[in-house]
Amino acid sequence: RAGAGLASLPAGVYRVLVAYLGFLPSVLLDACCKSVSAWNRVRNGPWYWGGCRVFAGVELAGEGLFDPQARGGRPSGGAGPAVEDWRSRFRCFRDRVIRFED
């Protein structure tokens, strides 16, 4: 049908597609449309899983682990926000790790 695209896919179908694409191609789709960008930012989306792989074991002062729930369901040291935007969290970790900030 004309005009149908990624945004017209049910979220479940999109998640299966992303699993086959891998991290980089999936997150590059953020520029495609707002729906895809929103799907990519949620827990269990590509930004979440990519961050869990890239930042496994990395703990930042004031932020804790990439996934604050990874240790017994609570952030390390009582710090760390409830995460709703995993793309922003990935960017925060990437920027701070590159500069070796604590």
PDB file of N, CA and C in Angstrom:
ATOM      1  N   ARG A   1       0.837  -1.181   0.000  1.00  0.00           N
ATOM      2  CA  ARG A   1       0.000   0.000   0.000  1.00  0.00           C
ATOM      3  C   ARG A   1       0.882   1.244   0.000  1.00  0.00           C
ATOM      4  N   ALA A   2       0.463   2.245  -0.685  1.00  0.00           N
ATOM      5  CA  ALA A   2       1.244   3.471  -0.832  1.00  0.00           C
ATOM      6  C   ALA A   2       1.398   4.178   0.504  1.00  0.00           C
ATOM      7  N   GLY A   3       2.586   4.689   0.751  1.00  0.00           N
ATOM      8  CA  GLY A   3       2.842   5.456   1.958  1.00  0.00           C
ATOM      9  C   GLY A   3       3.134   4.611   3.183  1.00  0.00           C
ATOM     10  N   ALA A   4       3.055   3.302   3.078  1.00  0.00           N
ATOM     11  CA  ALA A   4       3.351   2.436   4.221  1.00  0.00           C
ATOM     12  C   ALA A   4       4.862   2.391   4.430  1.00  0.00           C
ATOM     13  N   GLY A   5       5.284   2.434   5.668  1.00  0.00           N
ATOM     14  CA  GLY A   5       6.703   2.387   5.975  1.00  0.00           C
ATOM     15  C   GLY A   5       6.927   1.750   7.326  1.00  0.00           C
ATOM     16  N   LEU A   6       8.095   1.992   7.877  1.00  0.00           N
ATOM     17  CA  LEU A   6       8.428   1.399   9.176  1.00  0.00           C
ATOM     18  C   LEU A   6       7.449   1.794  10.271  1.00  0.00           C
ATOM     19  N   ALA A   7       6.975   3.033  10.232  1.00  0.00           N
ATOM     20  CA  ALA A   7       6.061   3.500  11.271  1.00  0.00           C
ATOM     21  C   ALA A   7       4.740   2.747  11.251  1.00  0.00           C
ATOM     22  N   SER A   8       4.393   2.149  10.115  1.00  0.00           N
ATOM     23  CA  SER A   8       3.125   1.435  10.036  1.00  0.00           C
ATOM     24  C   SER A   8       3.232  -0.008  10.542  1.00  0.00           C
ATOM     25  N   LEU A   9       4.459  -0.476  10.823  1.00  0.00           N
ATOM     26  CA  LEU A   9       4.629  -1.821  11.356  1.00  0.00           C
ATOM     27  C   LEU A   9       4.188  -1.886  12.811  1.00  0.00           C
ATOM     28  N   PRO A  10       3.575  -2.972  13.230  1.00  0.00           N
ATOM     29  CA  PRO A  10       3.312  -3.150  14.661  1.00  0.00           C
ATOM     30  C   PRO A  10       4.648  -3.221  15.412  1.00  0.00           C
ATOM     31  N   ALA A  11       4.677  -2.747  16.643  1.00  0.00           N
ATOM     32  CA  ALA A  11       5.921  -2.702  17.418  1.00  0.00           C
ATOM     33  C   ALA A  11       6.568  -4.072  17.524  1.00  0.00           C
ATOM     34  N   GLY A  12       5.793  -5.126  17.689  1.00  0.00           N
ATOM     35  CA  GLY A  12       6.354  -6.469  17.804  1.00  0.00           C
ATOM     36  C   GLY A  12       7.099  -6.898  16.553  1.00  0.00           C
ATOM     37  N   VAL A  13       6.555  -6.583  15.394  1.00  0.00           N
ATOM     38  CA  VAL A  13       7.206  -6.916  14.124  1.00  0.00           C
ATOM     39  C   VAL A  13       8.498  -6.124  13.995  1.00  0.00           C
ATOM     40  N   TYR A  14       8.464  -4.861  14.384  1.00  0.00           N
ATOM     41  CA  TYR A  14       9.668  -4.032  14.309  1.00  0.00           C
ATOM     42  C   TYR A  14      10.767  -4.604  15.211  1.00  0.00           C
ATOM     43  N   ARG A  15      10.415  -5.061  16.413  1.00  0.00           N
ATOM     44  CA  ARG A  15      11.417  -5.627  17.318  1.00  0.00           C
ATOM     45  C   ARG A  15      12.090  -6.860  16.722  1.00  0.00           C
ATOM     46  N   VAL A  16      11.332  -7.687  16.024  1.00  0.00           N
ATOM     47  CA  VAL A  16      11.917  -8.857  15.358  1.00  0.00           C
ATOM     48  C   VAL A  16      12.876  -8.400  14.262  1.00  0.00           C
ATOM     49  N   LEU A  17      12.487  -7.415  13.490  1.00  0.00           N
ATOM     50  CA  LEU A  17      13.333  -6.870  12.435  1.00  0.00           C
ATOM     51  C   LEU A  17      14.644  -6.339  13.013  1.00  0.00           C
ATOM     52  N   VAL A  18      14.556  -5.596  14.111  1.00  0.00           N
ATOM     53  CA  VAL A  18      15.732  -5.020  14.761  1.00  0.00           C
ATOM     54  C   VAL A  18      16.679  -6.121  15.244  1.00  0.00           C
ATOM     55  N   ALA A  19      16.123  -7.200  15.751  1.00  0.00           N
ATOM     56  CA  ALA A  19      16.958  -8.304  16.229  1.00  0.00           C
ATOM     57  C   ALA A  19      17.825  -8.864  15.103  1.00  0.00           C
ATOM     58  N   TYR A  20      17.312  -8.866  13.897  1.00  0.00           N
ATOM     59  CA  TYR A  20      18.076  -9.358  12.747  1.00  0.00           C
ATOM     60  C   TYR A  20      19.048  -8.318  12.205  1.00  0.00           C
ATOM     61  N   LEU A  21      18.719  -7.048  12.337  1.00  0.00           N
ATOM     62  CA  LEU A  21      19.582  -5.994  11.805  1.00  0.00           C
ATOM     63  C   LEU A  21      20.854  -5.815  12.616  1.00  0.00           C
ATOM     64  N   GLY A  22      20.742  -5.896  13.933  1.00  0.00           N
ATOM     65  CA  GLY A  22      21.876  -5.615  14.798  1.00  0.00           C
ATOM     66  C   GLY A  22      21.835  -4.175  15.277  1.00  0.00           C
ATOM     67  N   PHE A  23      22.808  -3.818  16.106  1.00  0.00           N
ATOM     68  CA  PHE A  23      22.791  -2.518  16.792  1.00  0.00           C
ATOM     69  C   PHE A  23      22.914  -1.327  15.849  1.00  0.00           C
ATOM     70  N   LEU A  24      23.993  -1.235  15.117  1.00  0.00           N
ATOM     71  CA  LEU A  24      24.246  -0.032  14.318  1.00  0.00           C
ATOM     72  C   LEU A  24      23.164   0.249  13.278  1.00  0.00           C
ATOM     73  N   PRO A  25      22.794  -0.707  12.444  1.00  0.00           N
ATOM     74  CA  PRO A  25      21.727  -0.406  11.477  1.00  0.00           C
ATOM     75  C   PRO A  25      20.417  -0.005  12.162  1.00  0.00           C
ATOM     76  N   SER A  26      20.140  -0.616  13.305  1.00  0.00           N
ATOM     77  CA  SER A  26      18.886  -0.303  14.019  1.00  0.00           C
ATOM     78  C   SER A  26      18.863   1.131  14.515  1.00  0.00           C
ATOM     79  N   VAL A  27      19.954   1.568  15.126  1.00  0.00           N
ATOM     80  CA  VAL A  27      19.956   2.923  15.673  1.00  0.00           C
ATOM     81  C   VAL A  27      20.078   3.979  14.588  1.00  0.00           C
ATOM     82  N   LEU A  28      20.618   3.604  13.435  1.00  0.00           N
ATOM     83  CA  LEU A  28      20.657   4.554  12.317  1.00  0.00           C
ATOM     84  C   LEU A  28      19.250   4.838  11.801  1.00  0.00           C
ATOM     85  N   LEU A  29      18.324   3.934  12.071  1.00  0.00           N
ATOM     86  CA  LEU A  29      16.936   4.145  11.663  1.00  0.00           C
ATOM     87  C   LEU A  29      16.247   5.238  12.481  1.00  0.00           C
ATOM     88  N   ASP A  30      16.877   5.712  13.566  1.00  0.00           N
ATOM     89  CA  ASP A  30      16.295   6.795  14.372  1.00  0.00           C
ATOM     90  C   ASP A  30      15.943   8.008  13.516  1.00  0.00           C
ATOM     91  N   ALA A  31      16.743   8.259  12.492  1.00  0.00           N
ATOM     92  CA  ALA A  31      16.511   9.410  11.623  1.00  0.00           C
ATOM     93  C   ALA A  31      15.322   9.205  10.699  1.00  0.00           C
ATOM     94  N   CYS A  32      14.822   7.983  10.630  1.00  0.00           N
ATOM     95  CA  CYS A  32      13.743   7.626   9.704  1.00  0.00           C
ATOM     96  C   CYS A  32      12.421   8.304  10.070  1.00  0.00           C
ATOM     97  N   CYS A  33      12.020   8.152  11.313  1.00  0.00           N
ATOM     98  CA  CYS A  33      10.764   8.754  11.755  1.00  0.00           C
ATOM     99  C   CYS A  33      10.677   8.732  13.273  1.00  0.00           C
ATOM    100  N   LYS A  34       9.773   9.522  13.822  1.00  0.00           N
ATOM    101  CA  LYS A  34       9.625   9.644  15.271  1.00  0.00           C
ATOM    102  C   LYS A  34       9.213   8.330  15.918  1.00  0.00           C
ATOM    103  N   SER A  35       8.350   7.573  15.269  1.00  0.00           N
ATOM    104  CA  SER A  35       7.907   6.299  15.849  1.00  0.00           C
ATOM    105  C   SER A  35       9.070   5.336  16.015  1.00  0.00           C
ATOM    106  N   VAL A  36       9.892   5.209  14.996  1.00  0.00           N
ATOM    107  CA  VAL A  36      11.039   4.312  15.057  1.00  0.00           C
ATOM    108  C   VAL A  36      12.012   4.783  16.131  1.00  0.00           C
ATOM    109  N   SER A  37      12.269   6.070  16.186  1.00  0.00           N
ATOM    110  CA  SER A  37      13.156   6.623  17.203  1.00  0.00           C
ATOM    111  C   SER A  37      12.627   6.317  18.599  1.00  0.00           C
ATOM    112  N   ALA A  38      11.332   6.463  18.813  1.00  0.00           N
ATOM    113  CA  ALA A  38      10.725   6.166  20.117  1.00  0.00           C
ATOM    114  C   ALA A  38      10.843   4.683  20.436  1.00  0.00           C
ATOM    115  N   TRP A  39      10.609   3.814  19.462  1.00  0.00           N
ATOM    116  CA  TRP A  39      10.730   2.368  19.691  1.00  0.00           C
ATOM    117  C   TRP A  39      12.159   1.996  20.052  1.00  0.00           C
ATOM    118  N   ASN A  40      13.131   2.654  19.433  1.00  0.00           N
ATOM    119  CA  ASN A  40      14.535   2.329  19.679  1.00  0.00           C
ATOM    120  C   ASN A  40      15.000   2.739  21.070  1.00  0.00           C
ATOM    121  N   ARG A  41      14.343   3.710  21.681  1.00  0.00           N
ATOM    122  CA  ARG A  41      14.790   4.250  22.966  1.00  0.00           C
ATOM    123  C   ARG A  41      14.264   3.494  24.183  1.00  0.00           C
ATOM    124  N   VAL A  42      13.306   2.621  24.008  1.00  0.00           N
ATOM    125  CA  VAL A  42      12.690   1.947  25.149  1.00  0.00           C
ATOM    126  C   VAL A  42      13.567   0.818  25.682  1.00  0.00           C
ATOM    127  N   ARG A  43      13.249   0.382  26.905  1.00  0.00           N
ATOM    128  CA  ARG A  43      13.937  -0.781  27.480  1.00  0.00           C
ATOM    129  C   ARG A  43      13.722  -1.968  26.537  1.00  0.00           C
ATOM    130  N   ASN A  44      14.752  -2.727  26.341  1.00  0.00           N
ATOM    131  CA  ASN A  44      14.777  -3.858  25.412  1.00  0.00           C
ATOM    132  C   ASN A  44      14.827  -3.436  23.951  1.00  0.00           C
ATOM    133  N   GLY A  45      15.042  -2.152  23.695  1.00  0.00           N
ATOM    134  CA  GLY A  45      15.277  -1.674  22.334  1.00  0.00           C
ATOM    135  C   GLY A  45      16.769  -1.719  22.037  1.00  0.00           C
ATOM    136  N   PRO A  46      17.165  -1.356  20.835  1.00  0.00           N
ATOM    137  CA  PRO A  46      18.582  -1.446  20.458  1.00  0.00           C
ATOM    138  C   PRO A  46      19.528  -0.561  21.273  1.00  0.00           C
ATOM    139  N   TRP A  47      19.072   0.625  21.700  1.00  0.00           N
ATOM    140  CA  TRP A  47      19.959   1.471  22.517  1.00  0.00           C
ATOM    141  C   TRP A  47      20.219   0.813  23.869  1.00  0.00           C
ATOM    142  N   TYR A  48      19.199   0.171  24.431  1.00  0.00           N
ATOM    143  CA  TYR A  48      19.361  -0.528  25.709  1.00  0.00           C
ATOM    144  C   TYR A  48      20.347  -1.686  25.566  1.00  0.00           C
ATOM    145  N   TRP A  49      20.090  -2.586  24.607  1.00  0.00           N
ATOM    146  CA  TRP A  49      20.946  -3.760  24.461  1.00  0.00           C
ATOM    147  C   TRP A  49      22.352  -3.390  24.015  1.00  0.00           C
ATOM    148  N   GLY A  50      22.470  -2.390  23.161  1.00  0.00           N
ATOM    149  CA  GLY A  50      23.801  -1.933  22.750  1.00  0.00           C
ATOM    150  C   GLY A  50      24.583  -1.393  23.935  1.00  0.00           C
ATOM    151  N   GLY A  51      23.928  -0.612  24.770  1.00  0.00           N
ATOM    152  CA  GLY A  51      24.591  -0.072  25.963  1.00  0.00           C
ATOM    153  C   GLY A  51      24.973  -1.146  26.958  1.00  0.00           C
ATOM    154  N   CYS A  52      24.115  -2.145  27.126  1.00  0.00           N
ATOM    155  CA  CYS A  52      24.435  -3.256  28.032  1.00  0.00           C
ATOM    156  C   CYS A  52      25.682  -3.997  27.560  1.00  0.00           C
ATOM    157  N   ARG A  53      25.845  -4.140  26.254  1.00  0.00           N
ATOM    158  CA  ARG A  53      27.032  -4.816  25.714  1.00  0.00           C
ATOM    159  C   ARG A  53      28.272  -3.923  25.807  1.00  0.00           C
ATOM    160  N   VAL A  54      28.155  -2.693  25.340  1.00  0.00           N
ATOM    161  CA  VAL A  54      29.308  -1.795  25.274  1.00  0.00           C
ATOM    162  C   VAL A  54      29.791  -1.398  26.664  1.00  0.00           C
ATOM    163  N   PHE A  55      28.870  -1.154  27.587  1.00  0.00           N
ATOM    164  CA  PHE A  55      29.231  -0.647  28.904  1.00  0.00           C
ATOM    165  C   PHE A  55      29.078  -1.695  30.012  1.00  0.00           C
ATOM    166  N   ALA A  56      29.154  -2.962  29.661  1.00  0.00           N
ATOM    167  CA  ALA A  56      29.055  -4.039  30.658  1.00  0.00           C
ATOM    168  C   ALA A  56      30.149  -3.853  31.710  1.00  0.00           C
ATOM    169  N   GLY A  57      29.743  -3.751  32.970  1.00  0.00           N
ATOM    170  CA  GLY A  57      30.692  -3.615  34.066  1.00  0.00           C
ATOM    171  C   GLY A  57      31.180  -2.200  34.316  1.00  0.00           C
ATOM    172  N   VAL A  58      30.809  -1.249  33.466  1.00  0.00           N
ATOM    173  CA  VAL A  58      31.224   0.143  33.643  1.00  0.00           C
ATOM    174  C   VAL A  58      30.248   0.822  34.595  1.00  0.00           C
ATOM    175  N   GLU A  59      30.807   1.458  35.613  1.00  0.00           N
ATOM    176  CA  GLU A  59      29.983   2.159  36.595  1.00  0.00           C
ATOM    177  C   GLU A  59      30.481   3.595  36.708  1.00  0.00           C
ATOM    178  N   LEU A  60      29.574   4.542  36.533  1.00  0.00           N
ATOM    179  CA  LEU A  60      29.932   5.960  36.615  1.00  0.00           C
ATOM    180  C   LEU A  60      29.441   6.543  37.937  1.00  0.00           C
ATOM    181  N   ALA A  61      30.246   7.407  38.521  1.00  0.00           N
ATOM    182  CA  ALA A  61      29.853   8.084  39.751  1.00  0.00           C
ATOM    183  C   ALA A  61      28.594   8.898  39.497  1.00  0.00           C
ATOM    184  N   GLY A  62      27.627   8.762  40.355  1.00  0.00           N
ATOM    185  CA  GLY A  62      26.376   9.503  40.220  1.00  0.00           C
ATOM    186  C   GLY A  62      25.382   8.871  39.262  1.00  0.00           C
ATOM    187  N   GLU A  63      25.818   7.891  38.492  1.00  0.00           N
ATOM    188  CA  GLU A  63      24.952   7.227  37.523  1.00  0.00           C
ATOM    189  C   GLU A  63      24.812   5.739  37.807  1.00  0.00           C
ATOM    190  N   GLY A  64      25.843   5.134  38.362  1.00  0.00           N
ATOM    191  CA  GLY A  64      25.838   3.692  38.587  1.00  0.00           C
ATOM    192  C   GLY A  64      26.141   2.943  37.306  1.00  0.00           C
ATOM    193  N   LEU A  65      25.594   1.740  37.197  1.00  0.00           N
ATOM    194  CA  LEU A  65      25.772   0.923  36.002  1.00  0.00           C
ATOM    195  C   LEU A  65      24.900   1.451  34.879  1.00  0.00           C
ATOM    196  N   PHE A  66      25.183   1.034  33.656  1.00  0.00           N
ATOM    197  CA  PHE A  66      24.355   1.451  32.525  1.00  0.00           C
ATOM    198  C   PHE A  66      22.895   1.106  32.790  1.00  0.00           C
ATOM    199  N   ASP A  67      22.642  -0.109  33.246  1.00  0.00           N
ATOM    200  CA  ASP A  67      21.284  -0.509  33.640  1.00  0.00           C
ATOM    201  C   ASP A  67      21.233  -0.468  35.158  1.00  0.00           C
ATOM    202  N   PRO A  68      20.622   0.577  35.732  1.00  0.00           N
ATOM    203  CA  PRO A  68      20.603   0.720  37.186  1.00  0.00           C
ATOM    204  C   PRO A  68      19.948  -0.454  37.914  1.00  0.00           C
ATOM    205  N   GLN A  69      19.143  -1.237  37.231  1.00  0.00           N
ATOM    206  CA  GLN A  69      18.477  -2.367  37.868  1.00  0.00           C
ATOM    207  C   GLN A  69      19.299  -3.645  37.795  1.00  0.00           C
ATOM    208  N   ALA A  70      20.484  -3.573  37.239  1.00  0.00           N
ATOM    209  CA  ALA A  70      21.302  -4.766  37.036  1.00  0.00           C
ATOM    210  C   ALA A  70      21.769  -5.396  38.345  1.00  0.00           C
ATOM    211  N   ARG A  71      21.854  -4.622  39.410  1.00  0.00           N
ATOM    212  CA  ARG A  71      22.289  -5.137  40.717  1.00  0.00           C
ATOM    213  C   ARG A  71      21.114  -5.217  41.664  1.00  0.00           C
ATOM    214  N   GLY A  72      20.523  -6.344  41.737  1.00  0.00           N
ATOM    215  CA  GLY A  72      19.476  -6.559  42.727  1.00  0.00           C
ATOM    216  C   GLY A  72      18.276  -5.653  42.578  1.00  0.00           C
ATOM    217  N   GLY A  73      18.045  -5.121  41.386  1.00  0.00           N
ATOM    218  CA  GLY A  73      16.861  -4.310  41.156  1.00  0.00           C
ATOM    219  C   GLY A  73      16.957  -2.884  41.645  1.00  0.00           C
ATOM    220  N   ARG A  74      18.163  -2.448  42.054  1.00  0.00           N
ATOM    221  CA  ARG A  74      18.292  -1.051  42.480  1.00  0.00           C
ATOM    222  C   ARG A  74      19.616  -0.485  41.993  1.00  0.00           C
ATOM    223  N   PRO A  75      19.669   0.815  41.809  1.00  0.00           N
ATOM    224  CA  PRO A  75      20.901   1.432  41.332  1.00  0.00           C
ATOM    225  C   PRO A  75      22.051   1.241  42.308  1.00  0.00           C
ATOM    226  N   SER A  76      23.254   1.190  41.787  1.00  0.00           N
ATOM    227  CA  SER A  76      24.451   1.069  42.612  1.00  0.00           C
ATOM    228  C   SER A  76      24.598   2.282  43.518  1.00  0.00           C
ATOM    229  N   GLY A  77      24.858   2.056  44.782  1.00  0.00           N
ATOM    230  CA  GLY A  77      25.082   3.147  45.725  1.00  0.00           C
ATOM    231  C   GLY A  77      23.878   4.040  45.923  1.00  0.00           C
ATOM    232  N   GLY A  78      22.701   3.591  45.528  1.00  0.00           N
ATOM    233  CA  GLY A  78      21.502   4.401  45.689  1.00  0.00           C
ATOM    234  C   GLY A  78      21.380   5.506  44.671  1.00  0.00           C
ATOM    235  N   ALA A  79      22.339   5.589  43.734  1.00  0.00           N
ATOM    236  CA  ALA A  79      22.310   6.655  42.733  1.00  0.00           C
ATOM    237  C   ALA A  79      21.739   6.119  41.429  1.00  0.00           C
ATOM    238  N   GLY A  80      21.365   7.033  40.566  1.00  0.00           N
ATOM    239  CA  GLY A  80      20.917   6.647  39.237  1.00  0.00           C
ATOM    240  C   GLY A  80      19.426   6.797  39.082  1.00  0.00           C
ATOM    241  N   PRO A  81      19.030   7.385  37.994  1.00  0.00           N
ATOM    242  CA  PRO A  81      17.615   7.653  37.749  1.00  0.00           C
ATOM    243  C   PRO A  81      16.883   6.439  37.184  1.00  0.00           C
ATOM    244  N   ALA A  82      15.571   6.491  37.237  1.00  0.00           N
ATOM    245  CA  ALA A  82      14.774   5.522  36.479  1.00  0.00           C
ATOM    246  C   ALA A  82      14.944   5.914  35.019  1.00  0.00           C
ATOM    247  N   VAL A  83      15.323   4.986  34.191  1.00  0.00           N
ATOM    248  CA  VAL A  83      15.670   5.309  32.803  1.00  0.00           C
ATOM    249  C   VAL A  83      14.464   5.124  31.894  1.00  0.00           C
ATOM    250  N   GLU A  84      14.156   6.165  31.126  1.00  0.00           N
ATOM    251  CA  GLU A  84      13.081   6.089  30.151  1.00  0.00           C
ATOM    252  C   GLU A  84      13.589   6.301  28.732  1.00  0.00           C
ATOM    253  N   ASP A  85      14.757   6.913  28.595  1.00  0.00           N
ATOM    254  CA  ASP A  85      15.332   7.190  27.273  1.00  0.00           C
ATOM    255  C   ASP A  85      16.727   6.571  27.222  1.00  0.00           C
ATOM    256  N   TRP A  86      16.827   5.374  26.679  1.00  0.00           N
ATOM    257  CA  TRP A  86      18.095   4.642  26.668  1.00  0.00           C
ATOM    258  C   TRP A  86      19.085   5.236  25.680  1.00  0.00           C
ATOM    259  N   ARG A  87      18.604   5.954  24.691  1.00  0.00           N
ATOM    260  CA  ARG A  87      19.532   6.619  23.770  1.00  0.00           C
ATOM    261  C   ARG A  87      20.303   7.706  24.520  1.00  0.00           C
ATOM    262  N   SER A  88      19.606   8.493  25.305  1.00  0.00           N
ATOM    263  CA  SER A  88      20.266   9.546  26.087  1.00  0.00           C
ATOM    264  C   SER A  88      21.233   8.949  27.106  1.00  0.00           C
ATOM    265  N   ARG A  89      20.845   7.834  27.717  1.00  0.00           N
ATOM    266  CA  ARG A  89      21.726   7.182  28.692  1.00  0.00           C
ATOM    267  C   ARG A  89      22.984   6.654  27.983  1.00  0.00           C
ATOM    268  N   PHE A  90      22.818   6.060  26.824  1.00  0.00           N
ATOM    269  CA  PHE A  90      23.959   5.582  26.039  1.00  0.00           C
ATOM    270  C   PHE A  90      24.900   6.749  25.746  1.00  0.00           C
ATOM    271  N   ARG A  91      24.347   7.865  25.300  1.00  0.00           N
ATOM    272  CA  ARG A  91      25.150   9.054  24.973  1.00  0.00           C
ATOM    273  C   ARG A  91      25.893   9.563  26.213  1.00  0.00           C
ATOM    274  N   CYS A  92      25.217   9.598  27.354  1.00  0.00           N
ATOM    275  CA  CYS A  92      25.847  10.045  28.605  1.00  0.00           C
ATOM    276  C   CYS A  92      27.047   9.164  28.940  1.00  0.00           C
ATOM    277  N   PHE A  93      26.849   7.860  28.889  1.00  0.00           N
ATOM    278  CA  PHE A  93      27.954   6.947  29.199  1.00  0.00           C
ATOM    279  C   PHE A  93      29.074   7.087  28.176  1.00  0.00           C
ATOM    280  N   ARG A  94      28.732   7.141  26.905  1.00  0.00           N
ATOM    281  CA  ARG A  94      29.751   7.268  25.863  1.00  0.00           C
ATOM    282  C   ARG A  94      30.587   8.528  26.081  1.00  0.00           C
ATOM    283  N   ASP A  95      29.941   9.638  26.341  1.00  0.00           N
ATOM    284  CA  ASP A  95      30.656  10.908  26.510  1.00  0.00           C
ATOM    285  C   ASP A  95      31.544  10.899  27.748  1.00  0.00           C
ATOM    286  N   ARG A  96      31.043  10.369  28.848  1.00  0.00           N
ATOM    287  CA  ARG A  96      31.811  10.377  30.086  1.00  0.00           C
ATOM    288  C   ARG A  96      32.925   9.346  30.078  1.00  0.00           C
ATOM    289  N   VAL A  97      32.722   8.206  29.454  1.00  0.00           N
ATOM    290  CA  VAL A  97      33.774   7.188  29.394  1.00  0.00           C
ATOM    291  C   VAL A  97      34.905   7.667  28.496  1.00  0.00           C
ATOM    292  N   ILE A  98      34.587   8.326  27.396  1.00  0.00           N
ATOM    293  CA  ILE A  98      35.609   8.841  26.486  1.00  0.00           C
ATOM    294  C   ILE A  98      36.514   9.837  27.203  1.00  0.00           C
ATOM    295  N   ARG A  99      35.940  10.633  28.093  1.00  0.00           N
ATOM    296  CA  ARG A  99      36.734  11.633  28.829  1.00  0.00           C
ATOM    297  C   ARG A  99      37.262  11.079  30.138  1.00  0.00           C
ATOM    298  N   PHE A 100      36.980   9.820  30.446  1.00  0.00           N
ATOM    299  CA  PHE A 100      37.412   9.189  31.685  1.00  0.00           C
ATOM    300  C   PHE A 100      36.964   9.971  32.908  1.00  0.00           C
ATOM    301  N   GLU A 101      35.746  10.482  32.863  1.00  0.00           N
ATOM    302  CA  GLU A 101      35.190  11.176  34.018  1.00  0.00           C
ATOM    303  C   GLU A 101      34.659  10.174  35.004  1.00  0.00           C
ATOM    304  N   ASP A 102      34.698  10.541  36.265  1.00  0.00           N
ATOM    305  CA  ASP A 102      34.091   9.659  37.275  1.00  0.00           C
ATOM    306  C   ASP A 102      32.768  10.196  37.719  1.00  0.00           C
TER     307      ASP A 102
END
